[in-house]
């Protein structure tokens, strides 16, 4: 499993989840959100631009838990509440249906035999 982001200003690094890791709110905050905002988001949105960031995530339990929402609130990071998420439609959520699909389609051009090979290919694509 991996985590990556794309926005109008560029893309984030790909972060791979350790094999066998339990993805709970604590893991998600420590190993995904904190590095993402400390490194990638600050580079993509330097200075005052960081105030324009509104984070959107999917329906994973660790993503939408009360612990994660509290972390967002305490960090001052704007995020979209579950009640305001877009519908599951190509017209309403083009990133889910277009960008992810294009990424996966490009992966079919390569054949990886090992996990390390898969990671190398994903970073290349």
N, C-alpha and C. Protein backbone atom coordinates (compact mmCIF):
# COMPACT_ATOMS: atom_id res chain seq x y z
N UNK A 1 0.85 -1.16 0.00
CA UNK A 1 0.00 0.00 0.00
C UNK A 1 0.90 1.23 0.00
N UNK A 2 0.42 2.28 -0.66
CA UNK A 2 1.17 3.52 -0.71
C UNK A 2 0.23 4.70 -0.60
N UNK A 3 0.83 5.85 -0.31
CA UNK A 3 0.08 7.09 -0.21
C UNK A 3 0.77 8.11 -1.10
N UNK A 4 0.00 8.82 -1.90
CA UNK A 4 0.54 9.87 -2.75
C UNK A 4 -0.55 10.92 -2.96
N UNK A 5 -0.14 12.11 -3.29
CA UNK A 5 -1.11 13.17 -3.52
C UNK A 5 -0.77 13.97 -4.77
N UNK A 6 -1.81 14.55 -5.34
CA UNK A 6 -1.67 15.38 -6.53
C UNK A 6 -2.56 16.59 -6.34
N UNK A 7 -2.04 17.74 -6.74
CA UNK A 7 -2.84 18.96 -6.68
C UNK A 7 -2.45 19.86 -7.84
N UNK A 8 -3.05 21.01 -7.91
CA UNK A 8 -2.79 21.94 -9.02
C UNK A 8 -1.35 22.44 -9.04
N UNK A 9 -0.65 22.35 -7.93
CA UNK A 9 0.72 22.86 -7.84
C UNK A 9 1.79 21.77 -7.96
N UNK A 10 1.37 20.53 -8.12
CA UNK A 10 2.33 19.45 -8.27
C UNK A 10 1.91 18.19 -7.54
N UNK A 11 2.88 17.33 -7.29
CA UNK A 11 2.59 16.05 -6.64
C UNK A 11 3.47 15.89 -5.41
N UNK A 12 3.03 15.01 -4.54
CA UNK A 12 3.78 14.71 -3.32
C UNK A 12 4.69 13.51 -3.58
N UNK A 13 5.54 13.25 -2.64
CA UNK A 13 6.34 12.03 -2.70
C UNK A 13 5.41 10.84 -2.46
N UNK A 14 5.84 9.69 -2.93
CA UNK A 14 5.10 8.46 -2.65
C UNK A 14 5.63 7.91 -1.33
N UNK A 15 4.73 7.62 -0.43
CA UNK A 15 5.09 7.03 0.86
C UNK A 15 4.51 5.63 0.93
N UNK A 16 5.37 4.68 1.18
CA UNK A 16 4.95 3.29 1.24
C UNK A 16 4.69 2.88 2.68
N UNK A 17 3.61 2.17 2.88
CA UNK A 17 3.25 1.66 4.20
C UNK A 17 4.07 0.40 4.45
N UNK A 18 4.59 0.30 5.66
CA UNK A 18 5.38 -0.88 6.01
C UNK A 18 4.52 -2.13 5.90
N UNK A 19 5.05 -3.19 5.32
CA UNK A 19 4.28 -4.44 5.22
C UNK A 19 3.82 -4.90 6.61
N UNK A 20 2.58 -5.26 6.71
CA UNK A 20 2.02 -5.75 7.96
C UNK A 20 1.60 -4.66 8.93
N UNK A 21 1.80 -3.40 8.56
CA UNK A 21 1.43 -2.30 9.46
C UNK A 21 -0.08 -2.22 9.59
N UNK A 22 -0.53 -1.95 10.79
CA UNK A 22 -1.95 -1.73 11.03
C UNK A 22 -2.23 -0.26 10.79
N UNK A 23 -3.07 0.03 9.83
CA UNK A 23 -3.35 1.42 9.47
C UNK A 23 -4.49 1.92 10.35
N UNK A 24 -4.12 2.42 11.50
CA UNK A 24 -5.11 3.04 12.37
C UNK A 24 -4.85 4.55 12.36
N UNK A 25 -5.61 5.28 13.11
CA UNK A 25 -5.47 6.75 13.12
C UNK A 25 -4.08 7.18 13.53
N UNK A 26 -3.52 6.53 14.53
CA UNK A 26 -2.18 6.90 15.02
C UNK A 26 -1.13 6.72 13.93
N UNK A 27 -1.16 5.57 13.24
CA UNK A 27 -0.20 5.31 12.16
C UNK A 27 -0.39 6.34 11.05
N UNK A 28 -1.64 6.57 10.66
CA UNK A 28 -1.95 7.51 9.58
C UNK A 28 -1.43 8.91 9.90
N UNK A 29 -1.63 9.36 11.12
CA UNK A 29 -1.17 10.70 11.52
C UNK A 29 0.35 10.75 11.54
N UNK A 30 1.00 9.79 12.20
CA UNK A 30 2.45 9.81 12.38
C UNK A 30 3.23 9.57 11.09
N UNK A 31 2.77 8.63 10.27
CA UNK A 31 3.56 8.20 9.11
C UNK A 31 3.07 8.73 7.78
N UNK A 32 1.92 9.35 7.77
CA UNK A 32 1.39 9.90 6.52
C UNK A 32 1.18 11.41 6.65
N UNK A 33 0.28 11.81 7.53
CA UNK A 33 -0.10 13.22 7.59
C UNK A 33 1.03 14.14 8.04
N UNK A 34 1.70 13.81 9.12
CA UNK A 34 2.77 14.69 9.61
C UNK A 34 3.88 14.86 8.58
N UNK A 35 4.43 13.78 7.99
CA UNK A 35 5.46 13.98 6.97
C UNK A 35 4.93 14.70 5.72
N UNK A 36 3.69 14.39 5.35
CA UNK A 36 3.08 15.02 4.19
C UNK A 36 3.01 16.54 4.35
N UNK A 37 2.52 16.98 5.49
CA UNK A 37 2.38 18.42 5.71
C UNK A 37 3.71 19.08 6.04
N UNK A 38 4.60 18.40 6.73
CA UNK A 38 5.90 18.98 7.08
C UNK A 38 6.76 19.16 5.83
N UNK A 39 6.73 18.21 4.94
CA UNK A 39 7.62 18.23 3.78
C UNK A 39 6.92 18.68 2.49
N UNK A 40 6.05 17.85 1.99
CA UNK A 40 5.47 18.07 0.66
C UNK A 40 4.55 19.28 0.56
N UNK A 41 3.58 19.37 1.45
CA UNK A 41 2.59 20.44 1.35
C UNK A 41 3.26 21.80 1.53
N UNK A 42 4.20 21.91 2.43
CA UNK A 42 4.90 23.18 2.66
C UNK A 42 5.74 23.58 1.44
N UNK A 43 6.28 22.60 0.70
CA UNK A 43 7.03 22.90 -0.53
C UNK A 43 6.09 23.33 -1.64
N UNK A 44 4.96 22.65 -1.74
CA UNK A 44 3.99 22.97 -2.80
C UNK A 44 3.28 24.30 -2.53
N UNK A 45 3.07 24.61 -1.26
CA UNK A 45 2.34 25.81 -0.86
C UNK A 45 3.18 26.60 0.15
N UNK A 46 4.27 27.26 -0.33
CA UNK A 46 5.16 27.97 0.60
C UNK A 46 4.52 29.23 1.19
N UNK A 47 5.03 29.60 2.35
CA UNK A 47 4.59 30.84 2.99
C UNK A 47 3.11 30.86 3.28
N UNK A 48 2.48 31.97 2.93
CA UNK A 48 1.06 32.17 3.20
C UNK A 48 0.14 31.28 2.36
N UNK A 49 0.67 30.70 1.29
CA UNK A 49 -0.15 29.82 0.46
C UNK A 49 -0.65 28.60 1.24
N UNK A 50 0.07 28.23 2.29
CA UNK A 50 -0.34 27.08 3.11
C UNK A 50 -1.75 27.28 3.67
N UNK A 51 -2.15 28.52 3.85
CA UNK A 51 -3.49 28.82 4.38
C UNK A 51 -4.60 28.51 3.37
N UNK A 52 -4.24 28.29 2.12
CA UNK A 52 -5.24 27.98 1.09
C UNK A 52 -5.48 26.48 0.94
N UNK A 53 -4.68 25.68 1.62
CA UNK A 53 -4.80 24.22 1.49
C UNK A 53 -6.06 23.73 2.19
N UNK A 54 -6.82 22.92 1.47
CA UNK A 54 -7.97 22.21 2.04
C UNK A 54 -7.75 20.74 1.69
N UNK A 55 -7.63 19.93 2.71
CA UNK A 55 -7.27 18.53 2.54
C UNK A 55 -8.52 17.68 2.30
N UNK A 56 -8.41 16.78 1.31
CA UNK A 56 -9.49 15.83 1.02
C UNK A 56 -8.90 14.43 1.06
N UNK A 57 -9.56 13.52 1.70
CA UNK A 57 -9.10 12.15 1.84
C UNK A 57 -10.26 11.22 1.56
N UNK A 58 -9.98 9.93 1.52
CA UNK A 58 -11.07 9.00 1.20
C UNK A 58 -11.74 8.47 2.46
N UNK A 59 -12.55 7.44 2.30
CA UNK A 59 -13.39 6.95 3.38
C UNK A 59 -12.72 5.92 4.30
N UNK A 60 -11.42 5.77 4.20
CA UNK A 60 -10.73 4.82 5.07
C UNK A 60 -11.01 5.13 6.53
N UNK A 61 -11.19 4.10 7.36
CA UNK A 61 -11.51 4.35 8.77
C UNK A 61 -10.49 5.24 9.48
N UNK A 62 -9.19 5.07 9.19
CA UNK A 62 -8.17 5.90 9.83
C UNK A 62 -8.25 7.35 9.34
N UNK A 63 -8.74 7.53 8.13
CA UNK A 63 -8.84 8.87 7.54
C UNK A 63 -9.96 9.68 8.16
N UNK A 64 -11.07 9.03 8.41
CA UNK A 64 -12.26 9.76 8.84
C UNK A 64 -12.58 9.60 10.32
N UNK A 65 -11.63 9.08 11.09
CA UNK A 65 -11.89 8.88 12.51
C UNK A 65 -11.92 10.21 13.26
N UNK A 66 -12.50 10.19 14.43
CA UNK A 66 -12.54 11.39 15.27
C UNK A 66 -11.13 11.82 15.67
N UNK A 67 -10.24 10.87 15.89
CA UNK A 67 -8.86 11.18 16.26
C UNK A 67 -8.18 11.97 15.14
N UNK A 68 -8.37 11.52 13.91
CA UNK A 68 -7.77 12.20 12.76
C UNK A 68 -8.37 13.59 12.57
N UNK A 69 -9.69 13.68 12.69
CA UNK A 69 -10.33 15.00 12.56
C UNK A 69 -9.84 15.96 13.63
N UNK A 70 -9.66 15.45 14.84
CA UNK A 70 -9.14 16.29 15.93
C UNK A 70 -7.72 16.76 15.63
N UNK A 71 -6.90 15.88 15.04
CA UNK A 71 -5.55 16.26 14.67
C UNK A 71 -5.58 17.40 13.65
N UNK A 72 -6.45 17.28 12.66
CA UNK A 72 -6.59 18.36 11.67
C UNK A 72 -6.98 19.67 12.35
N UNK A 73 -7.97 19.60 13.22
CA UNK A 73 -8.42 20.82 13.91
C UNK A 73 -7.30 21.43 14.74
N UNK A 74 -6.58 20.62 15.50
CA UNK A 74 -5.49 21.12 16.35
C UNK A 74 -4.32 21.65 15.53
N UNK A 75 -4.14 21.12 14.32
CA UNK A 75 -3.04 21.56 13.46
C UNK A 75 -3.40 22.80 12.66
N UNK A 76 -4.68 23.18 12.68
CA UNK A 76 -5.12 24.34 11.91
C UNK A 76 -5.23 24.07 10.42
N UNK A 77 -5.28 22.80 10.04
CA UNK A 77 -5.38 22.43 8.63
C UNK A 77 -6.85 22.27 8.26
N UNK A 78 -7.25 22.96 7.22
CA UNK A 78 -8.64 22.84 6.75
C UNK A 78 -8.81 21.50 6.06
N UNK A 79 -9.95 20.88 6.27
CA UNK A 79 -10.25 19.60 5.63
C UNK A 79 -11.74 19.54 5.35
N UNK A 80 -12.10 18.66 4.45
CA UNK A 80 -13.50 18.50 4.06
C UNK A 80 -14.13 17.43 4.94
N UNK A 81 -15.17 17.80 5.65
CA UNK A 81 -15.89 16.84 6.49
C UNK A 81 -16.56 15.78 5.63
N UNK A 82 -16.68 14.60 6.18
CA UNK A 82 -17.29 13.47 5.47
C UNK A 82 -18.67 13.83 4.91
N UNK A 83 -19.41 14.63 5.66
CA UNK A 83 -20.77 15.01 5.24
C UNK A 83 -20.76 15.86 3.97
N UNK A 84 -19.61 16.45 3.64
CA UNK A 84 -19.51 17.34 2.47
C UNK A 84 -18.69 16.73 1.33
N UNK A 85 -18.34 15.45 1.45
CA UNK A 85 -17.57 14.81 0.40
C UNK A 85 -18.38 14.72 -0.88
N UNK A 86 -17.66 14.69 -1.98
CA UNK A 86 -18.31 14.58 -3.29
C UNK A 86 -18.87 13.17 -3.47
N UNK A 87 -19.80 13.07 -4.36
CA UNK A 87 -20.37 11.77 -4.68
C UNK A 87 -19.35 10.90 -5.41
N UNK A 88 -19.60 9.62 -5.43
CA UNK A 88 -18.72 8.67 -6.10
C UNK A 88 -19.06 8.64 -7.59
N UNK A 89 -18.56 9.64 -8.30
CA UNK A 89 -18.91 9.81 -9.71
C UNK A 89 -17.73 10.42 -10.46
N UNK A 90 -17.49 9.99 -11.70
CA UNK A 90 -16.40 10.58 -12.48
C UNK A 90 -16.58 12.09 -12.69
N UNK A 91 -17.80 12.55 -12.72
CA UNK A 91 -18.05 13.98 -12.91
C UNK A 91 -17.75 14.78 -11.64
N UNK A 92 -17.99 14.20 -10.49
CA UNK A 92 -17.82 14.91 -9.22
C UNK A 92 -16.45 14.69 -8.57
N UNK A 93 -15.80 13.59 -8.89
CA UNK A 93 -14.51 13.27 -8.28
C UNK A 93 -13.52 12.83 -9.37
N UNK A 94 -13.11 13.76 -10.22
CA UNK A 94 -12.25 13.38 -11.35
C UNK A 94 -10.90 12.81 -10.93
N UNK A 95 -10.36 13.21 -9.78
CA UNK A 95 -9.08 12.66 -9.34
C UNK A 95 -9.19 11.16 -9.08
N UNK A 96 -10.29 10.74 -8.48
CA UNK A 96 -10.47 9.32 -8.18
C UNK A 96 -10.60 8.50 -9.46
N UNK A 97 -11.26 9.05 -10.45
CA UNK A 97 -11.56 8.27 -11.65
C UNK A 97 -10.58 8.51 -12.79
N UNK A 98 -9.91 9.64 -12.81
CA UNK A 98 -8.99 9.96 -13.90
C UNK A 98 -7.54 9.75 -13.49
N UNK A 99 -7.06 10.55 -12.57
CA UNK A 99 -5.64 10.52 -12.19
C UNK A 99 -5.22 9.15 -11.69
N UNK A 100 -6.00 8.56 -10.80
CA UNK A 100 -5.66 7.24 -10.29
C UNK A 100 -5.67 6.20 -11.40
N UNK A 101 -6.63 6.30 -12.30
CA UNK A 101 -6.71 5.38 -13.42
C UNK A 101 -5.52 5.51 -14.35
N UNK A 102 -5.11 6.76 -14.64
CA UNK A 102 -3.94 6.97 -15.50
C UNK A 102 -2.68 6.40 -14.87
N UNK A 103 -2.54 6.62 -13.56
CA UNK A 103 -1.38 6.10 -12.85
C UNK A 103 -1.34 4.57 -12.94
N UNK A 104 -2.46 3.93 -12.66
CA UNK A 104 -2.52 2.48 -12.70
C UNK A 104 -2.28 1.97 -14.13
N UNK A 105 -2.80 2.67 -15.12
CA UNK A 105 -2.64 2.25 -16.51
C UNK A 105 -1.16 2.28 -16.90
N UNK A 106 -0.43 3.32 -16.46
CA UNK A 106 1.00 3.40 -16.76
C UNK A 106 1.78 2.28 -16.08
N UNK A 107 1.32 1.83 -14.94
CA UNK A 107 2.00 0.74 -14.24
C UNK A 107 1.96 -0.56 -15.04
N UNK A 108 0.94 -0.72 -15.90
CA UNK A 108 0.82 -1.95 -16.69
C UNK A 108 1.94 -2.08 -17.72
N UNK A 109 2.64 -0.98 -18.03
CA UNK A 109 3.74 -1.02 -18.99
C UNK A 109 4.99 -1.67 -18.42
N UNK A 110 5.02 -1.92 -17.13
CA UNK A 110 6.19 -2.46 -16.46
C UNK A 110 5.82 -3.75 -15.74
N UNK A 111 6.79 -4.61 -15.62
CA UNK A 111 6.59 -5.87 -14.89
C UNK A 111 7.55 -5.92 -13.71
N UNK A 112 7.01 -5.88 -12.54
CA UNK A 112 7.83 -5.97 -11.34
C UNK A 112 7.71 -7.36 -10.74
N UNK A 113 8.83 -7.87 -10.27
CA UNK A 113 8.84 -9.19 -9.68
C UNK A 113 8.91 -9.11 -8.16
N UNK A 114 9.54 -8.06 -7.66
CA UNK A 114 9.73 -7.91 -6.22
C UNK A 114 9.02 -6.65 -5.72
N UNK A 115 8.87 -6.56 -4.41
CA UNK A 115 8.28 -5.36 -3.82
C UNK A 115 9.17 -4.16 -4.11
N UNK A 116 10.49 -4.33 -4.00
CA UNK A 116 11.43 -3.23 -4.29
C UNK A 116 11.28 -2.78 -5.74
N UNK A 117 11.10 -3.74 -6.64
CA UNK A 117 10.90 -3.40 -8.05
C UNK A 117 9.61 -2.63 -8.25
N UNK A 118 8.55 -3.03 -7.56
CA UNK A 118 7.27 -2.31 -7.65
C UNK A 118 7.42 -0.88 -7.17
N UNK A 119 8.13 -0.69 -6.06
CA UNK A 119 8.34 0.66 -5.52
C UNK A 119 9.13 1.51 -6.50
N UNK A 120 10.16 0.94 -7.10
CA UNK A 120 10.98 1.68 -8.07
C UNK A 120 10.13 2.11 -9.27
N UNK A 121 9.30 1.21 -9.76
CA UNK A 121 8.43 1.52 -10.91
C UNK A 121 7.43 2.61 -10.55
N UNK A 122 6.83 2.51 -9.36
CA UNK A 122 5.83 3.51 -8.95
C UNK A 122 6.46 4.90 -8.85
N UNK A 123 7.69 4.97 -8.35
CA UNK A 123 8.36 6.28 -8.27
C UNK A 123 8.69 6.81 -9.66
N UNK A 124 8.99 5.91 -10.58
CA UNK A 124 9.34 6.31 -11.95
C UNK A 124 8.12 6.85 -12.69
N UNK A 125 7.00 6.17 -12.53
CA UNK A 125 5.77 6.56 -13.22
C UNK A 125 5.26 7.84 -12.63
